[in-house]
């Protein structure tokens, strides 16, 4: 199983590289979910990877919404690219909320995991193909923002606050 990294493996040059690393970690978890979905429905291992993906999404969304998006919106002057990224976060949160209510042994759970995988991949593609290049051309201080992101990640790690994740349900349908 892929491990969840919470800080840069090496010093981050800037915020966009840090966020791209977060996207790559989420994609790796998404790929694992897809592999498990093709192997066996209701597999406990897929549920564990899906929960890790939910935690990674929660962690990176919090970083982006708290630190990155406000500065990106200001730097770009036109909020459309940031608005779309925020909408993708809201979509992921809705899917995760539905996963929490679903029985991991049912086909619906797997469908929700695959919807989350698609959302993660769409979000990463959007950021890396459209948002990041526009920000690279802006006057936003990416090195300083990268340091702030790393500090916030370190604080998240030390606090070890549990992130929302799909809860296993009992056979009777109650969590």
N, C-alpha and C. Protein backbone atom coordinates (compact mmCIF):
# COMPACT_ATOMS: atom_id res chain seq x y z
N UNK A 1 0.84 -1.17 0.00
CA UNK A 1 0.00 0.00 0.00
C UNK A 1 0.89 1.24 0.00
N UNK A 2 0.47 2.29 -0.71
CA UNK A 2 1.22 3.53 -0.76
C UNK A 2 1.12 4.24 0.58
N UNK A 3 2.21 4.81 1.03
CA UNK A 3 2.17 5.56 2.28
C UNK A 3 1.77 6.99 1.99
N UNK A 4 1.19 7.63 2.99
CA UNK A 4 0.78 9.02 2.85
C UNK A 4 1.93 9.90 3.30
N UNK A 5 2.48 10.67 2.39
CA UNK A 5 3.53 11.62 2.75
C UNK A 5 2.87 12.92 3.17
N UNK A 6 3.43 13.56 4.18
CA UNK A 6 2.83 14.79 4.66
C UNK A 6 3.76 15.97 4.52
N UNK A 7 4.96 15.77 4.08
CA UNK A 7 5.86 16.88 3.84
C UNK A 7 6.73 16.55 2.64
N UNK A 8 7.43 17.55 2.18
CA UNK A 8 8.29 17.35 1.02
C UNK A 8 9.39 16.37 1.35
N UNK A 9 9.71 15.52 0.38
CA UNK A 9 10.83 14.61 0.56
C UNK A 9 12.14 15.39 0.56
N UNK A 10 12.17 16.49 -0.14
CA UNK A 10 13.30 17.39 -0.16
C UNK A 10 12.74 18.81 -0.02
N UNK A 11 13.58 19.77 0.29
CA UNK A 11 13.05 21.13 0.45
C UNK A 11 12.30 21.57 -0.81
N UNK A 12 11.12 22.10 -0.63
CA UNK A 12 10.31 22.53 -1.76
C UNK A 12 10.79 23.86 -2.29
N UNK A 13 10.93 23.95 -3.59
CA UNK A 13 11.35 25.19 -4.20
C UNK A 13 10.22 26.20 -4.17
N UNK A 14 8.99 25.73 -4.36
CA UNK A 14 7.88 26.67 -4.32
C UNK A 14 6.55 25.95 -4.09
N UNK A 15 5.50 26.77 -3.96
CA UNK A 15 4.18 26.25 -3.64
C UNK A 15 3.64 25.33 -4.72
N UNK A 16 3.86 25.66 -5.97
CA UNK A 16 3.30 24.85 -7.05
C UNK A 16 3.93 23.46 -7.08
N UNK A 17 5.22 23.38 -6.78
CA UNK A 17 5.85 22.07 -6.70
C UNK A 17 5.28 21.27 -5.53
N UNK A 18 5.05 21.92 -4.40
CA UNK A 18 4.49 21.25 -3.23
C UNK A 18 3.10 20.71 -3.54
N UNK A 19 2.28 21.55 -4.18
CA UNK A 19 0.92 21.13 -4.52
C UNK A 19 0.93 20.03 -5.59
N UNK A 20 1.86 20.11 -6.52
CA UNK A 20 1.99 19.05 -7.52
C UNK A 20 2.37 17.73 -6.86
N UNK A 21 3.23 17.79 -5.82
CA UNK A 21 3.56 16.56 -5.07
C UNK A 21 2.32 16.00 -4.38
N UNK A 22 1.51 16.88 -3.80
CA UNK A 22 0.26 16.43 -3.18
C UNK A 22 -0.66 15.78 -4.20
N UNK A 23 -0.74 16.38 -5.39
CA UNK A 23 -1.55 15.79 -6.45
C UNK A 23 -1.02 14.42 -6.84
N UNK A 24 0.28 14.29 -6.92
CA UNK A 24 0.88 13.01 -7.29
C UNK A 24 0.60 11.93 -6.24
N UNK A 25 0.67 12.30 -4.98
CA UNK A 25 0.35 11.35 -3.90
C UNK A 25 -1.11 10.92 -3.98
N UNK A 26 -2.00 11.87 -4.24
CA UNK A 26 -3.42 11.53 -4.36
C UNK A 26 -3.65 10.64 -5.58
N UNK A 27 -2.97 10.94 -6.69
CA UNK A 27 -3.10 10.09 -7.89
C UNK A 27 -2.62 8.67 -7.61
N UNK A 28 -1.54 8.53 -6.87
CA UNK A 28 -1.04 7.18 -6.55
C UNK A 28 -2.08 6.40 -5.75
N UNK A 29 -2.71 7.04 -4.79
CA UNK A 29 -3.77 6.38 -4.02
C UNK A 29 -4.97 6.07 -4.91
N UNK A 30 -5.29 6.99 -5.81
CA UNK A 30 -6.39 6.77 -6.75
C UNK A 30 -6.09 5.56 -7.65
N UNK A 31 -4.85 5.45 -8.11
CA UNK A 31 -4.46 4.30 -8.93
C UNK A 31 -4.61 3.00 -8.15
N UNK A 32 -4.23 3.02 -6.88
CA UNK A 32 -4.39 1.81 -6.05
C UNK A 32 -5.87 1.46 -5.91
N UNK A 33 -6.71 2.45 -5.69
CA UNK A 33 -8.16 2.19 -5.59
C UNK A 33 -8.67 1.54 -6.87
N UNK A 34 -8.23 2.07 -8.01
CA UNK A 34 -8.67 1.52 -9.29
C UNK A 34 -8.22 0.07 -9.45
N UNK A 35 -6.98 -0.23 -9.04
CA UNK A 35 -6.50 -1.61 -9.14
C UNK A 35 -7.32 -2.54 -8.26
N UNK A 36 -7.61 -2.12 -7.03
CA UNK A 36 -8.41 -2.95 -6.14
C UNK A 36 -9.82 -3.14 -6.67
N UNK A 37 -10.38 -2.12 -7.28
CA UNK A 37 -11.73 -2.22 -7.81
C UNK A 37 -11.80 -3.28 -8.91
N UNK A 38 -10.74 -3.43 -9.68
CA UNK A 38 -10.73 -4.43 -10.75
C UNK A 38 -10.50 -5.83 -10.20
N UNK A 39 -9.96 -5.94 -9.00
CA UNK A 39 -9.65 -7.26 -8.44
C UNK A 39 -10.85 -7.90 -7.75
N UNK A 40 -11.42 -7.19 -6.79
CA UNK A 40 -12.52 -7.79 -6.02
C UNK A 40 -13.35 -6.70 -5.35
N UNK A 41 -14.65 -6.79 -5.50
CA UNK A 41 -15.55 -5.82 -4.86
C UNK A 41 -15.60 -6.09 -3.37
N UNK A 42 -15.73 -5.01 -2.61
CA UNK A 42 -15.87 -5.14 -1.17
C UNK A 42 -14.60 -5.52 -0.45
N UNK A 43 -13.48 -5.45 -1.12
CA UNK A 43 -12.21 -5.85 -0.52
C UNK A 43 -11.81 -4.86 0.57
N UNK A 44 -11.39 -5.39 1.70
CA UNK A 44 -10.97 -4.57 2.83
C UNK A 44 -9.78 -3.69 2.47
N UNK A 45 -8.88 -4.19 1.65
CA UNK A 45 -7.70 -3.42 1.25
C UNK A 45 -8.11 -2.19 0.46
N UNK A 46 -9.12 -2.33 -0.42
CA UNK A 46 -9.58 -1.17 -1.17
C UNK A 46 -10.17 -0.13 -0.23
N UNK A 47 -10.90 -0.58 0.78
CA UNK A 47 -11.48 0.35 1.73
C UNK A 47 -10.37 1.13 2.46
N UNK A 48 -9.31 0.44 2.84
CA UNK A 48 -8.21 1.12 3.52
C UNK A 48 -7.54 2.15 2.62
N UNK A 49 -7.34 1.81 1.36
CA UNK A 49 -6.73 2.76 0.43
C UNK A 49 -7.69 3.91 0.17
N UNK A 50 -8.99 3.61 0.05
CA UNK A 50 -9.98 4.67 -0.15
C UNK A 50 -9.99 5.63 1.04
N UNK A 51 -9.86 5.09 2.24
CA UNK A 51 -9.81 5.95 3.42
C UNK A 51 -8.54 6.81 3.42
N UNK A 52 -7.44 6.25 2.97
CA UNK A 52 -6.20 7.02 2.86
C UNK A 52 -6.37 8.13 1.81
N UNK A 53 -7.05 7.84 0.72
CA UNK A 53 -7.32 8.85 -0.30
C UNK A 53 -8.20 9.96 0.27
N UNK A 54 -9.20 9.59 1.05
CA UNK A 54 -10.06 10.60 1.68
C UNK A 54 -9.26 11.51 2.60
N UNK A 55 -8.37 10.92 3.38
CA UNK A 55 -7.52 11.73 4.28
C UNK A 55 -6.61 12.66 3.49
N UNK A 56 -6.03 12.14 2.41
CA UNK A 56 -5.14 12.96 1.58
C UNK A 56 -5.91 14.11 0.95
N UNK A 57 -7.10 13.82 0.46
CA UNK A 57 -7.93 14.87 -0.13
C UNK A 57 -8.30 15.93 0.90
N UNK A 58 -8.67 15.48 2.07
CA UNK A 58 -9.04 16.42 3.14
C UNK A 58 -7.85 17.32 3.49
N UNK A 59 -6.70 16.72 3.64
CA UNK A 59 -5.49 17.45 4.03
C UNK A 59 -5.11 18.48 2.96
N UNK A 60 -5.06 18.07 1.70
CA UNK A 60 -4.65 18.98 0.64
C UNK A 60 -5.73 20.04 0.38
N UNK A 61 -6.99 19.68 0.47
CA UNK A 61 -8.06 20.66 0.27
C UNK A 61 -7.99 21.73 1.34
N UNK A 62 -7.73 21.33 2.58
CA UNK A 62 -7.62 22.31 3.66
C UNK A 62 -6.48 23.28 3.38
N UNK A 63 -5.35 22.77 2.94
CA UNK A 63 -4.20 23.62 2.60
C UNK A 63 -4.55 24.60 1.48
N UNK A 64 -5.12 24.07 0.43
CA UNK A 64 -5.42 24.91 -0.72
C UNK A 64 -6.46 25.97 -0.36
N UNK A 65 -7.51 25.58 0.35
CA UNK A 65 -8.58 26.51 0.67
C UNK A 65 -8.13 27.58 1.67
N UNK A 66 -7.29 27.20 2.59
CA UNK A 66 -6.84 28.12 3.63
C UNK A 66 -5.75 29.07 3.13
N UNK A 67 -4.77 28.54 2.42
CA UNK A 67 -3.59 29.34 2.05
C UNK A 67 -3.49 29.67 0.56
N UNK A 68 -3.71 28.68 -0.27
CA UNK A 68 -3.39 28.82 -1.69
C UNK A 68 -4.47 29.56 -2.48
N UNK A 69 -5.72 29.13 -2.38
CA UNK A 69 -6.77 29.71 -3.21
C UNK A 69 -6.96 31.22 -2.99
N UNK A 70 -6.97 31.70 -1.75
CA UNK A 70 -7.15 33.16 -1.59
C UNK A 70 -6.05 33.96 -2.30
N UNK A 71 -4.81 33.51 -2.18
CA UNK A 71 -3.71 34.21 -2.83
C UNK A 71 -3.75 34.04 -4.35
N UNK A 72 -4.14 32.86 -4.80
CA UNK A 72 -4.24 32.61 -6.24
C UNK A 72 -5.33 33.49 -6.85
N UNK A 73 -6.45 33.59 -6.18
CA UNK A 73 -7.56 34.41 -6.66
C UNK A 73 -7.10 35.88 -6.79
N UNK A 74 -6.40 36.35 -5.77
CA UNK A 74 -5.91 37.72 -5.78
C UNK A 74 -4.87 37.93 -6.89
N UNK A 75 -3.97 36.99 -7.06
CA UNK A 75 -2.90 37.12 -8.05
C UNK A 75 -3.43 37.09 -9.48
N UNK A 76 -4.48 36.30 -9.71
CA UNK A 76 -4.99 36.15 -11.07
C UNK A 76 -5.95 37.26 -11.47
N UNK A 77 -6.65 37.82 -10.50
CA UNK A 77 -7.62 38.85 -10.82
C UNK A 77 -8.93 38.31 -11.36
N UNK A 78 -8.89 37.15 -12.00
CA UNK A 78 -10.12 36.49 -12.47
C UNK A 78 -10.25 35.18 -11.72
N UNK A 79 -11.35 35.03 -11.01
CA UNK A 79 -11.47 33.88 -10.12
C UNK A 79 -11.92 32.56 -10.76
N UNK A 80 -12.20 32.52 -12.05
CA UNK A 80 -12.81 31.34 -12.66
C UNK A 80 -12.00 30.07 -12.44
N UNK A 81 -10.68 30.12 -12.61
CA UNK A 81 -9.86 28.92 -12.44
C UNK A 81 -9.87 28.44 -10.99
N UNK A 82 -9.85 29.39 -10.06
CA UNK A 82 -9.87 29.04 -8.64
C UNK A 82 -11.27 28.54 -8.26
N UNK A 83 -12.30 29.18 -8.81
CA UNK A 83 -13.66 28.74 -8.52
C UNK A 83 -13.88 27.28 -8.93
N UNK A 84 -13.35 26.91 -10.09
CA UNK A 84 -13.49 25.52 -10.55
C UNK A 84 -12.76 24.56 -9.60
N UNK A 85 -11.58 24.93 -9.16
CA UNK A 85 -10.83 24.08 -8.23
C UNK A 85 -11.60 23.93 -6.91
N UNK A 86 -12.20 25.01 -6.43
CA UNK A 86 -13.00 24.94 -5.20
C UNK A 86 -14.24 24.07 -5.40
N UNK A 87 -14.86 24.15 -6.57
CA UNK A 87 -16.01 23.31 -6.87
C UNK A 87 -15.61 21.83 -6.87
N UNK A 88 -14.44 21.53 -7.39
CA UNK A 88 -13.96 20.14 -7.37
C UNK A 88 -13.75 19.66 -5.94
N UNK A 89 -13.27 20.53 -5.06
CA UNK A 89 -13.14 20.16 -3.64
C UNK A 89 -14.51 19.87 -3.04
N UNK A 90 -15.49 20.72 -3.35
CA UNK A 90 -16.84 20.51 -2.82
C UNK A 90 -17.42 19.19 -3.32
N UNK A 91 -17.16 18.88 -4.57
CA UNK A 91 -17.63 17.61 -5.15
C UNK A 91 -16.99 16.43 -4.42
N UNK A 92 -15.68 16.51 -4.19
CA UNK A 92 -14.99 15.44 -3.47
C UNK A 92 -15.57 15.28 -2.06
N UNK A 93 -15.85 16.39 -1.38
CA UNK A 93 -16.43 16.29 -0.02
C UNK A 93 -17.80 15.61 -0.06
N UNK A 94 -18.60 15.91 -1.08
CA UNK A 94 -19.91 15.27 -1.21
C UNK A 94 -19.77 13.77 -1.43
N UNK A 95 -18.85 13.39 -2.28
CA UNK A 95 -18.62 11.97 -2.54
C UNK A 95 -18.16 11.27 -1.26
N UNK A 96 -17.22 11.89 -0.54
CA UNK A 96 -16.72 11.30 0.71
C UNK A 96 -17.84 11.16 1.72
N UNK A 97 -18.73 12.15 1.80
CA UNK A 97 -19.87 12.06 2.73
C UNK A 97 -20.76 10.87 2.36
N UNK A 98 -20.97 10.66 1.09
CA UNK A 98 -21.77 9.50 0.66
C UNK A 98 -21.05 8.19 0.95
N UNK A 99 -19.73 8.18 0.80
CA UNK A 99 -18.96 6.97 1.11
C UNK A 99 -19.11 6.61 2.57
N UNK A 100 -19.16 7.61 3.44
CA UNK A 100 -19.29 7.36 4.88
C UNK A 100 -20.61 6.66 5.20
N UNK A 101 -21.62 6.88 4.38
CA UNK A 101 -22.93 6.28 4.61
C UNK A 101 -23.11 4.93 3.91
N UNK A 102 -22.23 4.62 3.00
CA UNK A 102 -22.37 3.39 2.21
C UNK A 102 -21.69 2.21 2.90
N UNK A 103 -22.21 1.03 2.64
CA UNK A 103 -21.60 -0.20 3.12
C UNK A 103 -20.45 -0.55 2.17
N UNK A 104 -19.21 -0.65 2.69
CA UNK A 104 -18.06 -0.94 1.82
C UNK A 104 -18.17 -2.26 1.06
N UNK A 105 -19.06 -3.14 1.47
CA UNK A 105 -19.21 -4.43 0.79
C UNK A 105 -20.17 -4.35 -0.39
N UNK A 106 -20.82 -3.22 -0.56
CA UNK A 106 -21.80 -3.08 -1.64
C UNK A 106 -21.18 -2.41 -2.86
N UNK A 107 -21.77 -2.67 -4.01
CA UNK A 107 -21.27 -2.10 -5.26
C UNK A 107 -21.32 -0.57 -5.25
N UNK A 108 -22.27 0.00 -4.54
CA UNK A 108 -22.39 1.46 -4.48
C UNK A 108 -21.12 2.08 -3.89
N UNK A 109 -20.55 1.45 -2.89
CA UNK A 109 -19.33 1.97 -2.28
C UNK A 109 -18.21 2.03 -3.33
N UNK A 110 -18.04 0.96 -4.05
CA UNK A 110 -17.01 0.93 -5.10
C UNK A 110 -17.28 2.01 -6.14
N UNK A 111 -18.54 2.21 -6.51
CA UNK A 111 -18.88 3.26 -7.47
C UNK A 111 -18.52 4.64 -6.93
N UNK A 112 -18.76 4.85 -5.65
CA UNK A 112 -18.39 6.12 -5.03
C UNK A 112 -16.87 6.31 -5.00
N UNK A 113 -16.16 5.24 -4.71
CA UNK A 113 -14.69 5.31 -4.72
C UNK A 113 -14.22 5.68 -6.12
N UNK A 114 -14.80 5.08 -7.15
CA UNK A 114 -14.39 5.38 -8.52
C UNK A 114 -14.76 6.83 -8.89
N UNK A 115 -15.88 7.33 -8.37
CA UNK A 115 -16.25 8.73 -8.61
C UNK A 115 -15.24 9.66 -7.94
N UNK A 116 -14.79 9.30 -6.74
CA UNK A 116 -13.77 10.10 -6.05
C UNK A 116 -12.45 10.06 -6.82
N UNK A 117 -12.09 8.90 -7.32
CA UNK A 117 -10.87 8.75 -8.13
C UNK A 117 -10.95 9.69 -9.34
N UNK A 118 -12.08 9.69 -10.03
CA UNK A 118 -12.23 10.56 -11.20
C UNK A 118 -12.14 12.03 -10.81
N UNK A 119 -12.72 12.38 -9.67
CA UNK A 119 -12.67 13.75 -9.18
C UNK A 119 -11.23 14.17 -8.87
N UNK A 120 -10.49 13.30 -8.21
CA UNK A 120 -9.09 13.57 -7.88
C UNK A 120 -8.28 13.80 -9.15
N UNK A 121 -8.46 12.94 -10.12
CA UNK A 121 -7.70 13.06 -11.36
C UNK A 121 -8.08 14.31 -12.14
N UNK A 122 -9.36 14.62 -12.19
CA UNK A 122 -9.82 15.83 -12.89
C UNK A 122 -9.25 17.08 -12.21
N UNK A 123 -9.28 17.10 -10.88
CA UNK A 123 -8.78 18.24 -10.13
C UNK A 123 -7.28 18.44 -10.37
N UNK A 124 -6.51 17.38 -10.31
CA UNK A 124 -5.07 17.48 -10.53
C UNK A 124 -4.76 17.96 -11.95
N UNK A 125 -5.47 17.43 -12.93
CA UNK A 125 -5.26 17.86 -14.32
C UNK A 125 -5.57 19.35 -14.48
N UNK A 126 -6.68 19.79 -13.89
CA UNK A 126 -7.08 21.20 -13.98
C UNK A 126 -6.01 22.10 -13.37
N UNK A 127 -5.58 21.76 -12.17
CA UNK A 127 -4.58 22.60 -11.51
C UNK A 127 -3.29 22.66 -12.32
N UNK A 128 -2.81 21.51 -12.72
CA UNK A 128 -1.49 21.44 -13.35
C UNK A 128 -1.49 21.97 -14.79
N UNK A 129 -2.61 21.84 -15.49
CA UNK A 129 -2.65 22.29 -16.89
C UNK A 129 -3.11 23.74 -17.03
N UNK A 130 -3.94 24.22 -16.12
CA UNK A 130 -4.50 25.55 -16.30
C UNK A 130 -4.13 26.53 -15.19
N UNK A 131 -4.36 26.14 -13.95
CA UNK A 131 -4.15 27.06 -12.83
C UNK A 131 -2.67 27.33 -12.56
N UNK A 132 -1.88 26.28 -12.43
CA UNK A 132 -0.46 26.46 -12.10
C UNK A 132 0.29 27.28 -13.15
N UNK A 133 0.11 27.01 -14.46
CA UNK A 133 0.84 27.83 -15.44
C UNK A 133 0.48 29.31 -15.36
N UNK A 134 -0.79 29.61 -15.13
CA UNK A 134 -1.19 31.02 -15.00
C UNK A 134 -0.54 31.65 -13.77
N UNK A 135 -0.48 30.89 -12.68
CA UNK A 135 0.12 31.42 -11.46
C UNK A 135 1.63 31.56 -11.60
N UNK A 136 2.25 30.68 -12.35
CA UNK A 136 3.70 30.76 -12.58
C UNK A 136 4.04 32.09 -13.24
N UNK A 137 3.14 32.60 -14.06
CA UNK A 137 3.35 33.87 -14.76
C UNK A 137 2.99 35.08 -13.89
N UNK A 138 2.38 34.86 -12.74
CA UNK A 138 1.93 35.97 -11.88
C UNK A 138 3.07 36.47 -11.00
N UNK A 139 2.76 37.45 -10.19
CA UNK A 139 3.75 38.02 -9.27
C UNK A 139 3.70 37.36 -7.89
N UNK A 140 2.90 36.33 -7.74
CA UNK A 140 2.78 35.64 -6.45
C UNK A 140 4.13 35.03 -6.07
N UNK A 141 4.55 35.24 -4.82
CA UNK A 141 5.84 34.71 -4.32
C UNK A 141 5.66 33.23 -3.99
N UNK A 142 5.98 32.39 -4.94
CA UNK A 142 5.78 30.95 -4.80
C UNK A 142 6.70 30.33 -3.75
N UNK A 143 7.91 30.86 -3.60
CA UNK A 143 8.83 30.30 -2.61
C UNK A 143 8.29 30.55 -1.20
N UNK A 144 7.84 31.76 -0.93
CA UNK A 144 7.30 32.07 0.39
C UNK A 144 6.03 31.27 0.66
N UNK A 145 5.18 31.15 -0.33
CA UNK A 145 3.96 30.37 -0.16
C UNK A 145 4.29 28.90 0.05
N UNK A 146 5.30 28.39 -0.64
CA UNK A 146 5.74 27.01 -0.45
C UNK A 146 6.17 26.76 0.98
N UNK A 147 6.89 27.72 1.56
CA UNK A 147 7.30 27.60 2.97
C UNK A 147 6.09 27.58 3.89
N UNK A 148 5.11 28.42 3.62
CA UNK A 148 3.89 28.45 4.44
C UNK A 148 3.13 27.13 4.34
N UNK A 149 3.05 26.58 3.12
CA UNK A 149 2.38 25.29 2.93
C UNK A 149 3.09 24.18 3.70
N UNK A 150 4.42 24.17 3.64
CA UNK A 150 5.19 23.16 4.37
C UNK A 150 5.00 23.30 5.87
N UNK A 151 4.98 24.54 6.36
CA UNK A 151 4.74 24.77 7.80
C UNK A 151 3.37 24.27 8.22
N UNK A 152 2.38 24.54 7.38
CA UNK A 152 1.01 24.10 7.68
C UNK A 152 0.91 22.58 7.64
N UNK A 153 1.58 21.95 6.69
CA UNK A 153 1.61 20.48 6.63
C UNK A 153 2.25 19.91 7.88
N UNK A 154 3.34 20.51 8.31
CA UNK A 154 4.02 20.04 9.52
C UNK A 154 3.11 20.19 10.73
N UNK A 155 2.37 21.29 10.81
CA UNK A 155 1.43 21.49 11.91
C UNK A 155 0.30 20.46 11.87
N UNK A 156 -0.20 20.15 10.67
CA UNK A 156 -1.23 19.12 10.52
C UNK A 156 -0.72 17.78 11.01
N UNK A 157 0.51 17.47 10.63
CA UNK A 157 1.10 16.18 11.00
C UNK A 157 1.28 16.09 12.51
N UNK A 158 1.77 17.16 13.13
CA UNK A 158 2.01 17.11 14.57
C UNK A 158 0.70 17.09 15.36
N UNK A 159 -0.33 17.74 14.83
CA UNK A 159 -1.63 17.74 15.52
C UNK A 159 -2.31 16.39 15.39
N UNK A 160 -2.04 15.67 14.28
CA UNK A 160 -2.62 14.36 14.02
C UNK A 160 -4.12 14.37 14.22
N UNK A 161 -4.77 15.41 13.69
CA UNK A 161 -6.22 15.52 13.76
C UNK A 161 -6.83 14.53 12.80
N UNK A 162 -7.74 13.69 13.29
CA UNK A 162 -8.36 12.74 12.37
C UNK A 162 -9.18 13.48 11.31
N UNK A 163 -8.99 13.12 10.07
CA UNK A 163 -9.74 13.69 8.97
C UNK A 163 -10.97 12.82 8.70
N UNK A 164 -12.00 13.43 8.14
CA UNK A 164 -13.17 12.62 7.81
C UNK A 164 -12.79 11.51 6.84
N UNK A 165 -13.26 10.33 7.13
CA UNK A 165 -13.03 9.22 6.22
C UNK A 165 -14.26 8.32 6.27
N UNK A 166 -14.42 7.51 5.26
CA UNK A 166 -15.58 6.63 5.25
C UNK A 166 -15.52 5.70 6.47
N UNK A 167 -16.60 5.62 7.18
CA UNK A 167 -16.68 4.76 8.35
C UNK A 167 -17.24 3.41 7.95
N UNK A 168 -16.65 2.31 8.45
CA UNK A 168 -17.22 1.00 8.14
C UNK A 168 -18.59 0.89 8.77
N UNK A 169 -19.47 0.21 8.08
CA UNK A 169 -20.83 0.05 8.59
C UNK A 169 -21.04 -1.40 9.01
N UNK A 170 -21.88 -1.56 9.98
CA UNK A 170 -22.21 -2.91 10.45
C UNK A 170 -23.17 -3.56 9.45
N UNK A 171 -23.31 -4.88 9.49
CA UNK A 171 -24.21 -5.56 8.57
C UNK A 171 -25.64 -5.04 8.65
N UNK A 172 -26.05 -4.51 9.79
CA UNK A 172 -27.40 -4.00 9.95
C UNK A 172 -27.60 -2.65 9.30
N UNK A 173 -26.53 -2.01 8.80
CA UNK A 173 -26.66 -0.76 8.09
C UNK A 173 -26.41 0.46 8.95
N UNK A 174 -26.07 0.28 10.22
CA UNK A 174 -25.78 1.45 11.05
C UNK A 174 -24.28 1.55 11.24
N UNK A 175 -23.77 2.77 11.31
CA UNK A 175 -22.32 2.94 11.48
C UNK A 175 -21.82 2.44 12.80
